Amino acid sequence: MNEIEKTTILETYKWIKVKRYIDDDSLSWEERYKRLDSHHIEETTFLINKIREIVKELK
């Protein structure tokens, strides 16, 4: 990992490749919750994979 990538990770959110969640208040609360939960899983999975990638580089 180069210095630019390190700085980007440490100082910004640009490196996160999951689109920002946008709430849709025209949906029922159940549908909104389901969409939010799905987004959370997608984002968490991405972040876990990124951590694993970084740890592999440290080996």
Protein backbone atom coordinates (compact mmCIF):
# COMPACT_ATOMS: atom_id res chain seq x y z
CA MET A 1 0.00 0.00 0.00
CA ASN A 2 1.47 3.32 -1.02
CA GLU A 3 1.45 6.53 1.01
CA ILE A 4 -1.37 8.12 -1.01
CA GLU A 5 -3.66 5.16 -0.35
CA LYS A 6 -2.78 5.19 3.36
CA THR A 7 -3.53 8.90 3.60
CA THR A 8 -6.81 8.48 1.72
CA ILE A 9 -7.92 5.74 4.11
CA LEU A 10 -6.87 7.64 7.20
CA GLU A 11 -8.25 11.05 6.25
CA THR A 12 -11.27 10.49 3.98
CA TYR A 13 -14.17 8.20 3.19
CA LYS A 14 -13.54 8.22 -0.58
CA TRP A 15 -12.01 4.75 -0.47
CA ILE A 16 -15.27 3.14 0.70
CA LYS A 17 -16.81 1.62 -2.41
CA VAL A 18 -20.33 1.21 -1.04
CA LYS A 19 -22.75 3.92 -2.09
CA ARG A 20 -24.07 6.11 0.70
CA TYR A 21 -27.44 5.02 2.05
CA ILE A 22 -30.38 7.20 1.06
CA ASP A 23 -33.58 6.80 2.98
CA ASP A 24 -36.86 6.66 1.09
CA ASP A 25 -39.64 7.93 3.32
CA SER A 26 -42.28 6.89 0.79
CA LEU A 27 -41.75 3.26 1.85
CA SER A 28 -43.22 1.57 4.88
CA TRP A 29 -41.02 1.43 7.98
CA GLU A 30 -40.58 -2.33 7.43
CA GLU A 31 -39.28 -1.77 3.89
CA ARG A 32 -37.08 1.09 5.03
CA TYR A 33 -35.64 -1.05 7.81
CA LYS A 34 -35.00 -3.93 5.41
CA ARG A 35 -33.16 -1.61 2.99
CA LEU A 36 -31.12 -0.07 5.80
CA ASP A 37 -30.22 -3.51 7.15
CA SER A 38 -29.18 -4.67 3.69
CA HIS A 39 -27.02 -1.58 3.24
CA HIS A 40 -25.42 -2.14 6.63
CA ILE A 41 -24.51 -5.73 5.70
CA GLU A 42 -23.05 -4.60 2.36
CA GLU A 43 -20.97 -1.88 4.01
CA THR A 44 -19.81 -4.08 6.88
CA THR A 45 -18.79 -6.86 4.49
CA PHE A 46 -16.80 -4.39 2.40
CA LEU A 47 -15.00 -3.03 5.48
CA ILE A 48 -14.20 -6.49 6.83
CA ASN A 49 -12.76 -7.51 3.47
CA LYS A 50 -10.66 -4.33 3.35
CA ILE A 51 -9.25 -5.06 6.81
CA ARG A 52 -8.39 -8.61 5.73
CA GLU A 53 -6.63 -7.23 2.64
CA ILE A 54 -4.59 -4.82 4.77
CA VAL A 55 -3.65 -7.55 7.26
CA LYS A 56 -2.50 -9.83 4.42
CA GLU A 57 -0.17 -7.06 3.26
CA LEU A 58 1.35 -6.92 6.76
CA LYS A 59 2.41 -10.59 6.65
